[in-house]
Amino acid sequence: MKTVCIDSRMISAPGIGTYLKNTLKRLDNKTIDIILIVSEKDLQKHTFLHNFKTIICNEKIYSIKEQLMLPRIIPKCDLFWSPHFNVPILPIKAKKRLVTIHDVFHLAFFSNFSIFEKIYAKIVYKAACLLSQTIITDSNFSKQEIIKYLKVKNEKIKVIHLGVDKELFTKETSKTIQHNLPNEYFLFVGSSKAHKNLENLLKAFKDFNHPTIKLVIVGKFDGFINKYNIKETVAEDTFYKNSVILLEDISDQDLSFVYQNALSFVFPSFYEGFGFPLIEAMSSKCPVIASTKASIPEVCEDNVLYINPHDIQDISNALKRISTDKLLREDLIKKGYERSQVFCWDKTVKKHIQVIKTLID
């Protein structure tokens, strides 16, 4: 039986964690011997990981220590798969390597990072491409970015669109969450990383200035190097303090409820390799206002209301349109839901398995 070792240490991270959880749950470890590298904390948190053989690694992501530790603990195997660009750059005991590069944000926004971060990104991105036999990425946009910044041959990159948990986000829920949600609200889901463009969203929401409609922001707001300080901004402004609600660490079931009851989901990001919240919102029958940048038009096509993320007035006008035009909302709900049905985790994982089997056979 062929052996595949997978670095699963980011299973609790936003975005990549969703990717890992949904992929691993659908991998068949009866025909392939699968070994996961995980942290002790994640092994306790995600019980399904006990279905696999595991190797513990508690070293910090993006650290020198992980680079020293991984070559020591990665076992002899037919394939080592890194689901993120932070690959081990030293020799390992794997016959072949596979890497998923979701985007090249660190290179596209190179000037935003420190000298150390720039050096690390350049070295590790290049190593990921050079050392891996195949690169998986989430969108055609990201494929072109990888080719542009890393000079990788077209045929080495496989584009596989990601999926949405239809059982979770399509199923209507009457769950009352333990948060004080307003009757009407716009919704943002994501991190406070600067490229998510929360700064312009807040400015546009202040310009919109509706007496009863609030803005709910769900996500992770701390632990990022290049971030917009959303907590401080809201705390120091009277308007935001009264009109903006910040929610952290809510369950997937609660998140589904928040999507389903929002007036609209707003996603003004400057850069995305894919954008999970877009298809989660559409699957939840929540109309979407979205940026015209990066992979977003590829994912959404003509099923959302587009805005220029650099134009605060344009974002504000979109909020006004959605809040007053019921027919527009109904049209976006219908079209968005139909678009979301294209994205299926079973189909996504089947394509991953095809890539893996091609490499190990």
Protein backbone atom coordinates (compact mmCIF):
# COMPACT_ATOMS: atom_id res chain seq x y z
CA MET A 1 0.00 0.00 0.00
CA LYS A 2 1.26 3.47 -0.91
CA THR A 3 1.93 5.93 1.91
CA VAL A 4 0.99 9.62 1.88
CA CYS A 5 2.05 11.98 4.66
CA ILE A 6 0.08 15.23 5.05
CA ASP A 7 1.07 18.30 7.05
CA SER A 8 -2.21 19.02 8.89
CA ARG A 9 -0.95 21.52 11.45
CA MET A 10 -3.09 24.36 10.07
CA ILE A 11 -6.38 22.51 10.52
CA SER A 12 -7.67 25.12 12.97
CA ALA A 13 -6.59 28.15 10.91
CA PRO A 14 -9.14 30.28 9.01
CA GLY A 15 -9.48 29.29 5.35
CA ILE A 16 -6.78 26.62 5.19
CA GLY A 17 -8.39 24.89 8.15
CA THR A 18 -11.70 24.67 6.28
CA TYR A 19 -9.81 23.25 3.31
CA LEU A 20 -8.03 20.64 5.42
CA LYS A 21 -11.06 19.53 7.47
CA ASN A 22 -13.29 19.02 4.46
CA THR A 23 -10.55 17.28 2.46
CA LEU A 24 -9.32 14.94 5.20
CA LYS A 25 -12.85 13.84 6.13
CA ARG A 26 -13.32 12.62 2.57
CA LEU A 27 -9.98 10.86 2.09
CA ASP A 28 -10.09 7.07 2.09
CA ASN A 29 -7.30 5.73 4.26
CA LYS A 30 -8.15 2.13 3.34
CA THR A 31 -6.63 2.22 -0.15
CA ILE A 32 -3.85 4.69 0.77
CA ASP A 33 -1.90 4.62 4.02
CA ILE A 34 -2.36 8.20 5.27
CA ILE A 35 -0.20 9.71 8.01
CA LEU A 36 -1.02 13.17 9.40
CA ILE A 37 1.36 15.59 11.07
CA VAL A 38 -0.69 17.43 13.70
CA SER A 39 -0.30 19.38 16.92
CA GLU A 40 -1.40 17.86 20.23
CA LYS A 41 -3.96 20.64 20.66
CA ASP A 42 -5.58 19.96 17.27
CA LEU A 43 -5.58 16.21 17.84
CA GLN A 44 -7.69 16.79 20.95
CA LYS A 45 -9.93 19.37 19.25
CA HIS A 46 -10.74 17.46 16.04
CA THR A 47 -11.73 13.93 17.02
CA PHE A 48 -11.98 12.63 13.44
CA LEU A 49 -8.17 12.92 13.19
CA HIS A 50 -7.97 9.77 15.34
CA ASN A 51 -9.11 7.83 12.25
CA PHE A 52 -5.59 8.35 10.87
CA LYS A 53 -2.06 7.56 11.93
CA THR A 54 -0.60 10.73 13.40
CA ILE A 55 2.76 12.29 14.18
CA ILE A 56 2.86 15.12 16.71
CA CYS A 57 4.56 18.40 15.86
CA ASN A 58 3.93 21.47 18.02
CA GLU A 59 6.40 23.82 16.35
CA LYS A 60 5.11 27.23 15.29
CA ILE A 61 4.06 27.72 11.65
CA TYR A 62 6.46 29.88 9.58
CA SER A 63 9.30 29.29 12.09
CA ILE A 64 12.89 28.17 11.83
CA LYS A 65 12.05 25.42 14.34
CA GLU A 66 9.45 23.87 12.01
CA GLN A 67 12.02 23.85 9.22
CA LEU A 68 14.42 21.94 11.45
CA MET A 69 11.81 19.59 12.90
CA LEU A 70 9.83 18.53 9.82
CA PRO A 71 12.69 16.71 8.00
CA ARG A 72 13.31 14.72 11.20
CA ILE A 73 9.71 13.58 11.72
CA ILE A 74 8.38 13.15 8.18
CA PRO A 75 8.50 9.37 7.68
CA LYS A 76 9.64 7.46 4.65
CA CYS A 77 6.67 7.77 2.28
CA ASP A 78 5.63 7.83 -1.36
CA LEU A 79 4.25 11.37 -1.19
CA PHE A 80 4.44 14.32 1.18
CA TRP A 81 1.65 16.88 0.78
CA SER A 82 1.94 20.44 2.12
CA PRO A 83 -1.53 22.12 2.01
CA HIS A 84 0.17 25.54 2.30
CA PHE A 85 3.33 27.08 0.87
CA ASN A 86 5.34 26.60 4.13
CA VAL A 87 7.07 23.46 2.85
CA PRO A 88 10.16 21.91 4.45
CA ILE A 89 13.11 23.23 2.47
CA LEU A 90 15.61 20.61 3.70
CA PRO A 91 15.65 17.06 2.25
CA ILE A 92 12.88 14.73 3.48
CA LYS A 93 12.27 10.97 3.17
CA ALA A 94 9.46 11.29 0.63
CA LYS A 95 9.76 10.04 -2.94
CA LYS A 96 7.63 12.89 -4.26
CA ARG A 97 6.06 16.11 -3.06
CA LEU A 98 2.74 17.86 -3.60
CA VAL A 99 1.95 21.41 -2.47
CA THR A 100 -1.19 23.54 -2.44
CA ILE A 101 -0.50 27.24 -2.95
CA HIS A 102 -3.76 29.07 -2.35
CA ASP A 103 -2.40 32.46 -3.38
CA VAL A 104 0.84 34.44 -3.54
CA PHE A 105 -0.35 37.33 -1.39
CA HIS A 106 3.05 37.68 0.29
CA LEU A 107 4.63 38.34 -3.11
CA ALA A 108 1.81 40.40 -4.63
CA PHE A 109 1.86 42.74 -1.59
CA PHE A 110 5.60 42.42 -1.01
CA SER A 111 6.12 46.00 0.23
CA ASN A 112 3.75 45.42 3.17
CA PHE A 113 6.11 43.01 4.92
CA SER A 114 9.27 43.28 7.00
CA ILE A 115 12.71 42.35 5.68
CA PHE A 116 12.60 38.97 7.45
CA GLU A 117 9.09 38.22 6.15
CA LYS A 118 10.14 39.14 2.61
CA ILE A 119 13.20 36.86 2.72
CA TYR A 120 11.18 33.99 4.23
CA ALA A 121 8.37 34.34 1.64
CA LYS A 122 10.74 34.41 -1.33
CA ILE A 123 12.77 31.42 -0.18
CA VAL A 124 9.85 29.22 0.85
CA TYR A 125 7.55 30.02 -2.09
CA LYS A 126 10.40 29.22 -4.50
CA ALA A 127 11.24 26.02 -2.61
CA ALA A 128 7.59 24.97 -2.70
CA CYS A 129 7.56 25.26 -6.48
CA LEU A 130 11.00 23.76 -7.14
CA LEU A 131 10.74 20.80 -4.76
CA SER A 132 7.16 19.76 -5.60
CA GLN A 133 6.27 17.64 -8.60
CA THR A 134 2.77 19.19 -8.75
CA ILE A 135 1.18 22.39 -7.44
CA ILE A 136 -2.54 22.57 -6.67
CA THR A 137 -4.17 25.99 -6.52
CA ASP A 138 -7.73 27.19 -5.92
CA SER A 139 -8.43 29.36 -8.97
CA ASN A 140 -7.25 30.28 -12.43
CA PHE A 141 -6.43 33.71 -11.00
CA SER A 142 -4.01 32.15 -8.50
CA LYS A 143 -2.50 29.98 -11.23
CA GLN A 144 -1.66 33.06 -13.27
CA GLU A 145 -0.25 34.77 -10.17
CA ILE A 146 2.00 31.77 -9.47
CA ILE A 147 3.25 31.81 -13.06
CA LYS A 148 3.78 35.59 -12.89
CA TYR A 149 5.68 35.77 -9.62
CA LEU A 150 7.37 32.35 -9.47
CA LYS A 151 7.94 31.53 -13.17
CA VAL A 152 6.37 28.06 -12.87
CA LYS A 153 5.48 26.12 -16.01
CA ASN A 154 1.78 26.10 -16.80
CA GLU A 155 1.49 22.30 -16.91
CA LYS A 156 2.86 21.89 -13.37
CA ILE A 157 -0.14 23.69 -11.83
CA LYS A 158 -3.54 22.03 -11.34
CA VAL A 159 -6.53 24.31 -10.66
CA ILE A 160 -9.14 22.77 -8.35
CA HIS A 161 -11.96 25.00 -7.13
CA LEU A 162 -12.90 24.50 -3.50
CA GLY A 163 -16.24 23.41 -2.07
CA VAL A 164 -18.97 24.52 0.30
CA ASP A 165 -20.57 22.48 3.07
CA LYS A 166 -24.10 22.39 1.67
CA GLU A 167 -25.48 20.47 4.64
CA LEU A 168 -24.31 23.24 6.94
CA PHE A 169 -24.91 26.38 4.88
CA THR A 170 -27.93 25.41 2.75
CA LYS A 171 -30.04 23.89 5.51
CA GLU A 172 -32.28 26.50 7.13
CA THR A 173 -31.69 26.88 10.84
CA SER A 174 -33.82 28.39 13.56
CA LYS A 175 -30.97 28.19 16.04
CA THR A 176 -30.85 31.17 18.38
CA ILE A 177 -27.20 31.98 18.87
CA GLN A 178 -25.71 33.35 22.03
CA HIS A 179 -25.05 36.76 20.50
CA ASN A 180 -27.15 39.90 20.46
CA LEU A 181 -27.84 40.22 16.73
CA PRO A 182 -29.81 43.21 15.45
CA ASN A 183 -32.99 42.84 13.36
CA GLU A 184 -31.28 44.13 10.19
CA TYR A 185 -27.57 43.99 9.48
CA PHE A 186 -24.93 43.82 6.79
CA LEU A 187 -22.38 41.05 7.30
CA PHE A 188 -18.64 40.64 6.78
CA VAL A 189 -16.92 37.31 7.46
CA GLY A 190 -13.14 37.02 7.43
CA SER A 191 -9.99 38.15 9.20
CA SER A 192 -8.76 41.65 9.96
CA LYS A 193 -5.81 41.31 7.58
CA ALA A 194 -5.28 44.62 5.80
CA HIS A 195 -6.08 43.28 2.32
CA LYS A 196 -9.58 42.28 3.48
CA ASN A 197 -10.31 46.02 3.28
CA LEU A 198 -12.27 46.47 6.50
CA GLU A 199 -11.06 50.07 6.65
CA ASN A 200 -12.98 51.08 3.51
CA LEU A 201 -15.98 48.98 4.51
CA LEU A 202 -16.26 50.85 7.82
CA LYS A 203 -15.92 54.22 6.10
CA ALA A 204 -18.60 53.27 3.57
CA PHE A 205 -20.89 52.03 6.32
CA LYS A 206 -20.51 55.35 8.16
CA ASP A 207 -21.40 57.16 4.94
CA PHE A 208 -24.44 54.87 4.52
CA ASN A 209 -25.47 55.97 8.04
CA HIS A 210 -28.80 54.17 8.47
CA PRO A 211 -30.57 54.66 11.82
CA THR A 212 -31.37 50.99 12.44
CA ILE A 213 -29.23 48.81 10.12
CA LYS A 214 -26.03 47.57 11.77
CA LEU A 215 -22.78 46.02 10.52
CA VAL A 216 -21.82 42.61 11.92
CA ILE A 217 -18.18 41.56 11.47
CA VAL A 218 -17.37 37.90 12.13
CA GLY A 219 -13.83 36.58 12.17
CA LYS A 220 -10.41 36.49 13.74
CA PHE A 221 -9.03 39.91 14.64
CA ASP A 222 -5.77 39.17 16.48
CA GLY A 223 -2.55 37.29 15.76
CA PHE A 224 -1.84 38.81 12.34
CA ILE A 225 1.29 40.74 11.41
CA ASN A 226 -0.23 42.84 8.64
CA LYS A 227 -3.63 43.73 10.03
CA TYR A 228 -6.18 46.52 10.32
CA ASN A 229 -6.84 47.21 14.01
CA ILE A 230 -10.61 46.78 13.87
CA LYS A 231 -11.08 46.50 17.64
CA GLU A 232 -9.31 49.78 18.31
CA THR A 233 -11.12 51.57 15.47
CA VAL A 234 -14.55 50.51 16.73
CA ALA A 235 -13.75 51.27 20.38
CA GLU A 236 -12.53 54.80 19.64
CA ASP A 237 -15.42 55.96 17.43
CA THR A 238 -18.90 56.63 18.87
CA PHE A 239 -20.71 55.82 15.60
CA TYR A 240 -18.93 52.48 15.18
CA LYS A 241 -19.34 51.65 18.87
CA ASN A 242 -23.12 51.94 18.45
CA SER A 243 -23.45 50.44 14.96
CA VAL A 244 -20.75 47.77 14.53
CA ILE A 245 -20.84 44.35 16.23
CA LEU A 246 -17.67 42.23 16.35
CA LEU A 247 -18.04 38.47 16.77
CA GLU A 248 -15.09 36.12 17.27
CA ASP A 249 -14.85 32.35 17.60
CA ILE A 250 -18.44 31.47 16.76
CA SER A 251 -19.40 27.91 15.80
CA ASP A 252 -20.09 26.81 12.23
CA GLN A 253 -23.78 26.38 13.11
CA ASP A 254 -23.94 29.92 14.47
CA LEU A 255 -22.15 31.22 11.38
CA SER A 256 -24.78 29.57 9.18
CA PHE A 257 -27.50 31.34 11.18
CA VAL A 258 -25.71 34.69 10.86
CA TYR A 259 -25.44 34.33 7.06
CA GLN A 260 -29.08 33.31 6.65
CA ASN A 261 -30.41 36.29 8.59
CA ALA A 262 -28.19 39.01 7.12
CA LEU A 263 -29.54 41.72 4.85
CA SER A 264 -26.48 41.13 2.66
CA PHE A 265 -22.94 39.78 2.84
CA VAL A 266 -20.29 42.39 1.93
CA PHE A 267 -16.84 41.30 0.74
CA PRO A 268 -14.68 44.26 -0.35
CA SER A 269 -11.36 42.37 -0.39
CA PHE A 270 -8.43 43.52 -2.52
CA TYR A 271 -6.93 40.04 -2.90
CA GLU A 272 -8.28 36.48 -2.66
CA GLY A 273 -7.07 33.15 -3.97
CA PHE A 274 -10.64 31.89 -3.73
CA GLY A 275 -12.84 33.29 -0.94
CA PHE A 276 -14.77 30.71 1.11
CA PRO A 277 -17.23 33.24 2.61
CA LEU A 278 -18.53 34.10 -0.86
CA ILE A 279 -19.87 30.62 -1.55
CA GLU A 280 -20.94 30.14 2.06
CA ALA A 281 -23.09 33.28 1.81
CA MET A 282 -24.55 32.33 -1.57
CA SER A 283 -25.31 28.81 -0.36
CA SER A 284 -27.06 30.35 2.68
CA LYS A 285 -29.31 32.39 0.35
CA CYS A 286 -27.71 35.63 1.44
CA PRO A 287 -27.29 38.26 -1.32
CA VAL A 288 -23.67 39.25 -1.89
CA ILE A 289 -21.92 42.57 -2.49
CA ALA A 290 -18.38 41.81 -3.66
CA SER A 291 -15.15 43.34 -4.90
CA THR A 292 -14.18 43.14 -8.57
CA LYS A 293 -10.61 42.15 -7.64
CA ALA A 294 -8.52 38.97 -7.87
CA SER A 295 -10.38 35.61 -8.02
CA ILE A 296 -13.73 37.01 -6.87
CA PRO A 297 -15.32 37.42 -10.35
CA GLU A 298 -14.13 33.90 -11.24
CA VAL A 299 -15.90 32.46 -8.19
CA CYS A 300 -19.06 34.59 -8.32
CA GLU A 301 -19.46 35.29 -12.05
CA ASP A 302 -22.47 37.60 -12.59
CA ASN A 303 -24.37 36.50 -9.49
CA VAL A 304 -23.40 39.28 -7.06
CA LEU A 305 -23.51 43.07 -6.88
CA TYR A 306 -19.97 44.23 -7.67
CA ILE A 307 -18.22 47.22 -6.12
CA ASN A 308 -14.88 48.95 -6.60
CA PRO A 309 -13.13 48.18 -3.26
CA HIS A 310 -11.06 51.37 -3.52
CA ASP A 311 -14.17 53.58 -3.91
CA ILE A 312 -15.86 54.25 -0.55
CA GLN A 313 -18.81 55.97 -2.22
CA ASP A 314 -19.36 53.00 -4.53
CA ILE A 315 -19.47 50.63 -1.54
CA SER A 316 -21.86 52.97 0.29
CA ASN A 317 -24.14 53.19 -2.76
CA ALA A 318 -24.26 49.37 -2.96
CA LEU A 319 -25.35 49.22 0.70
CA LYS A 320 -28.14 51.69 -0.08
CA ARG A 321 -29.29 49.73 -3.14
CA ILE A 322 -29.45 46.44 -1.27
CA SER A 323 -31.28 47.98 1.68
CA THR A 324 -33.99 49.58 -0.50
CA ASP A 325 -34.37 47.30 -3.54
CA LYS A 326 -36.21 44.12 -2.56
CA LEU A 327 -36.33 42.82 -6.13
CA LEU A 328 -32.55 43.16 -6.46
CA ARG A 329 -32.06 41.23 -3.24
CA GLU A 330 -34.40 38.45 -4.39
CA ASP A 331 -32.61 38.22 -7.76
CA LEU A 332 -29.18 38.01 -6.10
CA ILE A 333 -30.42 35.37 -3.64
CA LYS A 334 -31.73 33.20 -6.49
CA LYS A 335 -28.68 33.58 -8.74
CA GLY A 336 -26.18 33.30 -5.90
CA TYR A 337 -27.74 30.10 -4.57
CA GLU A 338 -27.67 28.50 -8.04
CA ARG A 339 -24.01 29.50 -8.44
CA SER A 340 -23.08 28.05 -5.04
CA GLN A 341 -24.33 24.61 -6.09
CA VAL A 342 -21.41 24.35 -8.53
CA PHE A 343 -18.98 24.12 -5.60
CA CYS A 344 -18.99 20.64 -4.07
CA TRP A 345 -16.48 19.20 -1.61
CA ASP A 346 -16.95 15.64 -2.89
CA LYS A 347 -16.01 16.80 -6.39
CA THR A 348 -13.10 18.87 -5.05
CA VAL A 349 -11.64 15.98 -3.05
CA LYS A 350 -12.12 13.53 -5.92
CA LYS A 351 -9.90 15.77 -8.06
CA HIS A 352 -7.31 15.92 -5.25
CA ILE A 353 -7.29 12.12 -5.05
CA GLN A 354 -6.74 11.92 -8.83
CA VAL A 355 -3.68 14.18 -8.50
CA ILE A 356 -2.34 12.12 -5.57
CA LYS A 357 -2.83 8.80 -7.38
CA THR A 358 -1.13 10.13 -10.50
CA LEU A 359 1.91 11.01 -8.38
CA ILE A 360 2.13 7.75 -6.41
CA ASP A 361 1.16 5.17 -9.05
